[in-house]
Protein backbone atom coordinates (compact mmCIF):
# COMPACT_ATOMS: atom_id res chain seq x y z
CA MET A 1 0.00 0.00 0.00
CA ASN A 2 1.26 3.45 -0.87
CA GLN A 3 2.54 5.32 2.19
CA LEU A 4 0.19 8.27 1.64
CA LEU A 5 -2.80 5.95 1.51
CA LEU A 6 -1.54 4.09 4.58
CA HIS A 7 -1.21 7.36 6.46
CA LEU A 8 -4.72 8.45 5.50
CA CYS A 9 -6.11 5.13 6.70
CA LEU A 10 -4.26 5.52 9.99
CA LEU A 11 -5.72 9.01 10.44
CA VAL A 12 -9.22 7.72 9.81
CA THR A 13 -8.67 4.91 12.30
CA LEU A 14 -7.43 7.30 14.95
CA HIS A 15 -9.86 10.09 14.42
CA SER A 16 -10.26 10.41 15.00
CA ASN A 17 17.85 9.10 10.05
CA CYS A 18 17.09 12.85 9.64
CA GLN A 19 19.60 15.18 7.95
CA SER A 20 19.49 17.51 10.94
CA GLN A 21 20.93 16.26 14.19
CA SER A 22 18.57 15.25 16.98
CA PRO A 23 17.85 18.06 19.43
CA SER A 24 19.85 18.20 22.62
CA VAL A 25 18.40 17.25 25.98
CA GLY A 26 20.00 20.41 27.35
CA ASP A 27 17.63 22.69 25.44
CA THR A 28 15.55 24.96 27.65
CA THR A 29 12.08 26.54 27.49
CA TYR A 30 9.33 24.11 26.48
CA ILE A 31 11.74 21.19 26.22
CA ALA A 32 12.01 21.51 30.00
CA TYR A 33 8.20 21.71 30.11
CA HIS A 34 7.86 18.38 28.33
CA GLN A 35 10.61 16.83 30.46
CA GLN A 36 8.71 17.74 33.63
CA ILE A 37 5.47 16.34 32.21
CA ALA A 38 7.36 13.14 31.34
CA ARG A 39 8.47 12.85 34.99
CA ALA A 40 4.87 13.34 36.13
CA GLN A 41 3.77 10.63 33.69
CA LEU A 42 6.40 8.31 35.14
CA ALA A 43 4.87 8.93 38.57
CA ILE A 44 1.45 8.01 37.16
CA ALA A 45 2.93 4.84 35.68
CA ASN A 46 4.15 3.97 39.19
CA LYS A 47 0.69 4.79 40.62
CA GLN A 48 2.09 7.74 42.55
CA TYR A 49 -0.88 9.94 41.74
CA LYS A 50 -0.33 12.68 44.34
CA GLU A 51 3.28 13.08 43.27
CA ALA A 52 2.17 13.19 39.64
CA LEU A 53 -0.39 15.92 40.37
CA THR A 54 2.29 17.92 42.18
CA GLY A 55 4.47 17.58 39.10
CA TYR A 56 1.75 18.93 36.82
CA GLU A 57 1.07 21.81 39.19
CA HIS A 58 4.73 22.74 39.20
CA VAL A 59 4.59 23.04 35.41
CA PHE A 60 1.38 25.10 35.55
CA ASN A 61 3.03 27.54 37.93
CA GLN A 62 6.02 27.98 35.61
CA TYR A 63 4.43 28.42 32.18
CA ARG A 64 1.80 30.86 30.93
CA PHE A 65 0.70 28.55 28.11
CA VAL A 66 -0.26 25.00 29.06
CA PHE A 67 -1.18 22.30 26.56
CA ARG A 68 -4.77 21.16 26.88
CA ARG A 69 -3.96 17.50 27.49
CA ASP A 70 -2.03 18.45 30.63
CA TYR A 71 -5.02 20.21 32.17
CA GLN A 72 -7.07 17.16 31.18
CA ALA A 73 -4.66 14.84 32.98
CA ALA A 74 -4.48 17.09 36.06
CA THR A 75 -8.29 17.26 36.30
CA GLN A 76 -8.53 13.49 36.50
CA LEU A 77 -5.59 13.14 38.86
CA ALA A 78 -7.18 15.62 41.26
CA LEU A 79 -10.38 13.57 41.22
CA GLN A 80 -8.38 10.36 41.65
CA VAL A 81 -6.73 11.64 44.85
CA GLY A 82 -9.96 13.00 46.29
CA GLN A 83 -9.64 16.72 45.55
CA PRO A 84 -12.82 17.62 43.60
CA ASP A 85 -12.43 21.39 44.08
CA LYS A 86 -9.04 21.22 42.47
CA ALA A 87 -10.48 19.00 39.73
CA PHE A 88 -13.07 21.69 38.91
CA ASP A 89 -10.33 24.32 38.86
CA TYR A 90 -8.34 22.39 36.25
CA LEU A 91 -11.49 21.46 34.36
CA LYS A 92 -12.27 25.15 33.99
CA LYS A 93 -8.73 25.89 32.85
CA GLY A 94 -9.04 23.02 30.40
CA ILE A 95 -12.14 24.63 28.90
CA LEU A 96 -10.29 27.92 28.63
CA SER A 97 -7.65 26.03 26.64
CA GLY A 98 -10.20 24.45 24.29
CA TRP A 99 -11.55 21.35 26.07
CA THR A 100 -15.04 21.01 24.61
CA TRP A 101 -18.11 20.15 26.62
CA LYS A 102 -18.76 17.23 24.27
CA SER A 103 -15.34 15.79 25.03
CA ILE A 104 -15.82 16.37 28.76
CA GLN A 105 -19.15 14.54 28.66
CA LYS A 106 -17.54 11.58 26.93
CA ASN A 107 -14.98 11.18 29.72
CA LYS A 108 -16.64 8.61 32.00
CA PHE A 109 -14.03 9.09 34.71
CA LEU A 110 -15.43 12.57 35.34
CA GLU A 111 -18.95 11.27 36.05
CA PRO A 112 -18.63 11.77 39.87
CA LEU A 113 -18.19 15.52 39.31
CA LYS A 114 -21.75 15.75 38.00
CA SER A 115 -23.09 15.34 41.54
CA TYR A 116 -21.48 18.61 42.66
CA SER A 117 -23.10 22.02 42.41
CA GLN A 118 -19.99 23.30 40.58
CA TRP A 119 -20.89 21.08 37.63
CA LYS A 120 -24.13 22.94 36.91
CA SER A 121 -22.41 26.29 37.39
CA LEU A 122 -19.61 25.32 35.02
CA LYS A 123 -22.07 24.08 32.42
CA LYS A 124 -23.85 27.45 32.49
CA GLU A 125 -20.51 29.24 32.26
CA TYR A 126 -19.18 27.08 29.44
CA THR A 127 -20.24 29.34 26.54
CA LEU A 128 -18.49 32.34 28.06
CA LEU A 129 -15.38 30.29 28.78
CA GLU A 130 -15.32 29.02 25.20
CA GLN A 131 -15.65 32.57 23.91
CA GLU A 132 -12.75 33.58 26.12
CA HIS A 133 -10.69 30.77 24.61
CA GLN A 134 -11.54 31.97 21.10
CA LYS A 135 -10.29 35.48 21.97
CA ASN A 136 -6.81 34.08 22.51
CA LEU A 137 -6.68 32.51 19.04
CA ASN A 138 -5.79 33.94 15.65
CA LEU A 139 -9.13 33.17 14.04
CA GLU A 140 -8.04 34.40 10.60
CA VAL A 141 -5.11 31.98 10.50
CA ARG A 142 -7.32 29.28 11.99
CA LYS A 143 -9.75 29.65 9.09
CA VAL A 144 -6.97 29.48 6.52
CA VAL A 145 -5.30 26.39 8.03
CA LYS A 146 -8.61 24.58 8.48
CA LYS A 147 -9.31 25.14 4.79
CA MET A 148 -5.84 23.85 3.92
CA PHE A 149 -6.47 20.76 6.05
CA SER A 150 -9.79 20.04 4.36
CA LYS A 151 -8.17 20.43 0.95
CA ASP A 152 -5.39 18.07 2.03
CA GLN A 153 -7.87 15.43 3.18
CA ARG A 154 -9.81 15.58 -0.08
CA LYS A 155 -6.62 15.28 -2.11
CA ALA A 156 -5.36 12.36 -0.02
CA LEU A 157 -8.70 10.58 -0.45
CA GLY A 158 -7.96 10.40 -4.15
CA ALA A 159 -5.49 7.63 -3.39
CA LEU A 160 -8.36 5.44 -2.17
CA PHE A 161 -9.73 5.25 -5.71
CA ARG A 162 -6.47 3.87 -7.10
CA PHE A 163 -6.77 0.16 -6.40
CA SER A 164 -3.32 -0.98 -7.50
CA ALA A 165 -0.05 -0.17 -5.77
CA ASN A 166 1.34 1.29 -9.00
CA GLY A 167 -1.73 3.47 -9.40
CA GLN A 168 -1.45 4.74 -5.85
CA ASN A 169 2.23 5.52 -6.33
CA ARG A 170 1.59 7.39 -9.56
CA TYR A 171 -1.16 9.40 -7.88
CA ALA A 172 1.11 10.24 -4.91
CA GLN A 173 3.98 11.34 -7.14
CA ASN A 174 2.07 13.07 -9.92
CA ARG A 175 -1.03 14.48 -8.22
CA PHE A 176 -0.52 14.69 -4.48
CA ALA A 177 3.14 15.80 -4.41
CA PRO A 178 2.60 19.06 -6.38
CA HIS A 179 -0.40 19.86 -4.17
CA SER A 180 1.61 19.12 -1.03
CA GLU A 181 4.48 21.34 -2.17
CA ARG A 182 2.06 24.27 -2.50
CA GLN A 183 0.65 23.48 0.94
CA LEU A 184 4.07 23.49 2.57
CA ALA A 185 5.05 26.71 0.83
CA ASP A 186 1.91 28.35 2.25
CA LEU A 187 2.52 26.81 5.66
CA LYS A 188 6.08 28.13 5.65
CA GLN A 189 4.78 31.65 5.02
CA ILE A 190 2.27 31.33 7.86
CA ILE A 191 5.03 30.22 10.23
CA SER A 192 7.20 33.15 9.16
CA ARG A 193 4.42 35.68 9.73
CA HIS A 194 2.51 34.30 12.68
CA GLY A 195 4.38 31.37 14.15
CA TYR A 196 3.45 27.70 13.95
CA PRO A 197 -0.34 27.22 13.62
CA GLY A 198 -0.87 24.74 16.41
CA GLU A 199 -2.90 24.55 19.60
CA LYS A 200 -1.52 27.82 20.96
CA LEU A 201 -2.15 29.92 17.84
CA ILE A 202 -5.31 28.42 16.31
CA GLY A 203 -6.62 25.96 18.91
CA SER A 204 -5.95 22.84 16.84
CA ASP A 205 -2.92 20.59 17.15
CA THR A 206 -4.11 18.44 14.23
CA TRP A 207 -4.54 20.39 11.01
CA ALA A 208 -1.00 21.59 10.29
CA SER A 209 0.61 18.43 11.68
CA VAL A 210 -1.50 16.26 9.36
CA ILE A 211 -0.53 18.39 6.35
CA LEU A 212 3.15 17.96 7.24
CA SER A 213 2.78 14.25 7.96
CA HIS A 214 0.99 13.70 4.65
CA HIS A 215 3.86 15.40 2.88
CA ASN A 216 6.41 13.22 4.64
CA SER A 217 4.53 10.02 3.78
CA ILE A 218 4.24 10.46 0.00
CA SER A 219 6.87 7.84 -0.87
CA GLU A 220 10.41 6.72 -0.16
CA THR A 221 11.54 8.10 -3.52
CA TYR A 222 9.97 11.48 -2.86
CA ALA A 223 11.36 11.75 0.69
CA ALA A 224 14.86 10.97 -0.57
CA GLN A 225 14.89 14.06 -2.83
CA ASP A 226 12.59 16.34 -0.83
CA THR A 227 14.03 19.70 0.20
CA LEU A 228 10.88 21.34 1.55
CA TYR A 229 10.55 19.45 4.81
CA PRO A 230 14.27 19.64 5.67
CA SER A 231 14.07 23.40 5.10
CA ILE A 232 11.07 23.81 7.39
CA ARG A 233 12.22 21.38 10.07
CA PRO A 234 14.43 23.86 12.01
CA ARG A 235 11.45 26.22 12.25
CA LEU A 236 9.35 23.39 13.62
CA TRP A 237 11.97 22.61 16.25
CA ASN A 238 12.09 26.27 17.24
CA ALA A 239 8.29 26.14 17.52
CA VAL A 240 8.62 23.20 19.92
CA LYS A 241 11.04 25.15 22.08
CA SER A 242 8.72 28.17 22.17
CA GLY A 243 5.60 26.13 22.98
CA GLN A 244 3.87 26.76 19.64
CA LEU A 245 4.18 23.11 18.62
CA SER A 246 3.79 20.15 20.92
CA ALA A 247 6.82 17.87 21.08
CA TYR A 248 4.41 14.97 20.54
CA ASP A 249 3.26 16.36 17.21
CA PHE A 250 6.80 17.20 16.11
CA ALA A 251 7.89 13.66 16.96
CA LYS A 252 5.15 12.13 14.82
CA ILE A 253 5.74 14.53 11.89
CA ASP A 254 9.47 13.81 11.99
CA ASN A 255 8.84 10.10 12.48
CA TRP A 256 7.06 9.91 9.13
CA TYR A 257 9.96 11.60 7.35
CA VAL A 258 12.69 9.44 8.90
CA THR A 259 10.78 6.17 8.59
CA ILE A 260 9.69 6.65 4.97
CA LYS A 261 13.06 8.02 3.83
CA SER A 262 14.81 4.99 5.36
CA ALA A 263 12.33 2.54 3.80
CA HIS A 264 11.16 1.60 7.32
CA LYS A 265 14.69 0.66 8.42
CA ASP A 266 14.75 3.45 11.01
CA ASN A 267 11.72 3.55 13.30
CA HIS A 268 12.91 6.85 14.83
CA ALA A 269 10.68 7.61 17.88
CA GLY A 270 8.68 4.43 17.33
CA TYR A 271 5.29 6.03 16.64
CA LEU A 272 4.75 4.07 13.43
CA ALA A 273 5.79 0.67 14.75
CA SER A 274 3.75 -1.90 16.67
CA THR A 275 6.77 -4.08 17.45
CA LEU A 276 10.37 -3.06 18.05
CA SER A 277 13.56 -4.92 18.85
CA GLY A 278 15.40 -4.01 22.02
CA GLN A 279 17.91 -2.03 19.98
CA GLU A 280 15.16 -0.18 18.14
CA ARG A 281 13.43 0.53 21.45
CA ASP A 282 16.63 2.04 22.85
CA ARG A 283 17.01 4.23 19.74
CA ALA A 284 13.38 5.36 19.97
CA ASN A 285 13.73 6.21 23.65
CA GLN A 286 16.82 8.30 22.89
CA VAL A 287 14.88 10.28 20.30
CA ARG A 288 11.97 10.73 22.72
CA GLN A 289 14.27 11.79 25.54
CA ALA A 290 15.85 14.44 23.32
CA MET A 291 12.39 15.89 22.74
CA GLY A 292 11.39 15.65 26.39
CA LEU A 293 8.89 12.84 25.80
CA SER A 294 8.12 9.76 27.89
CA SER A 295 9.77 6.47 27.06
CA ILE A 296 8.00 3.60 25.35
CA GLU A 297 7.91 1.72 28.66
CA THR A 298 6.26 4.64 30.46
CA THR A 299 3.73 5.16 27.67
CA ASN A 300 2.84 1.46 27.70
CA ALA A 301 2.39 1.64 31.48
CA LEU A 302 0.13 4.70 31.11
CA LEU A 303 -2.10 2.69 28.80
CA ASP A 304 -2.34 0.03 31.50
CA ILE A 305 -3.25 2.68 34.09
CA GLN A 306 -5.95 4.01 31.77
CA GLN A 307 -7.46 0.55 31.50
CA GLN A 308 -7.25 -0.08 35.24
CA THR A 309 -8.65 3.26 36.43
CA GLY A 310 -10.75 4.61 33.57
CA MET A 311 -8.68 7.79 33.36
CA ASN A 312 -7.89 9.14 29.90
CA PHE A 313 -4.54 10.88 29.47
CA TYR A 314 -5.28 11.86 25.85
CA LEU A 315 -2.02 10.36 24.70
CA PRO A 316 -0.96 10.98 21.09
CA LEU A 317 -0.47 7.31 20.53
CA HIS A 318 0.91 4.91 18.02
CA VAL A 319 -1.99 3.63 15.94
CA SER A 320 -2.12 0.28 17.75
CA GLY A 321 -1.58 1.61 21.24
CA LYS A 322 1.07 -0.29 23.14
CA ILE A 323 4.35 -1.08 21.44
CA LYS A 324 5.64 -4.61 21.92
CA VAL A 325 9.38 -4.96 22.46
CA VAL A 326 10.91 -8.22 21.28
CA GLU A 327 14.31 -8.85 22.79
CA GLN A 328 16.66 -10.85 20.60
CA VAL A 329 17.76 -14.08 22.19
CA SER A 330 21.50 -14.61 22.12
CA ARG A 331 22.75 -18.03 21.10
């Protein structure tokens, strides 16, 4: 299956070695943010929920902009350790960062909060809180990027109507690639003028990252000669450090480029693999550590905690969830 078609199928299911050197662990700003969140996630994995909540709170006290998923995690942790007032506080902050009432309602772990008077008050206040969230966004850029995303999805769907591998490859090279090049040129201009259009700028961490990931998954041949993504990559890394782009999203965007360019010989951060060898796991964990992200072992443990407790940490996961590590047996 053509890589572009595969990527589109993965997106539907969810919706739900790079030329530049890997970033250094010593980088500051939002790399430190993600590193602290990773330590809090490790505490969750060890069922140290109070310690984990303290870790999240330390981050909240340090940074003006907080990624939505971290308020979502803190809300549930507060409820888990018996602090409903604190849970409502983080729930409200989550709404101010774009957590929708529909998504909140779907979270079964939050059901106990419905018995409190604060729930009704928050529900009445929701519209005003959502409007306040919108005020912090660049709605003009949001409109433009959303349109670009929709155009990208329609173009990628064209691969579904090419039933042979050769047909899909021809479509990716001849039809999708020119479209994607225009998209990245426009995206590059947006980044230059406004910054990276992610959760902080436009309220969505999906649209631009999907456009970039689609570009990086066109084909091995295309990735080998592509100059657009390598030229934009340093700007993306700067966006990670400034908090405009989540390290999770950067890792997945970059993972597509490295994996496709290497013909799946380099699994990079491991987000596109369901099974890794011990050596591949170690490599993936090094990449994740450099970006401030939790290890594969911690992420797998968080999935177990989700299943055991009913909490939802809104993890930007590999398509199959847990990654199995197969250690090679020496003879």
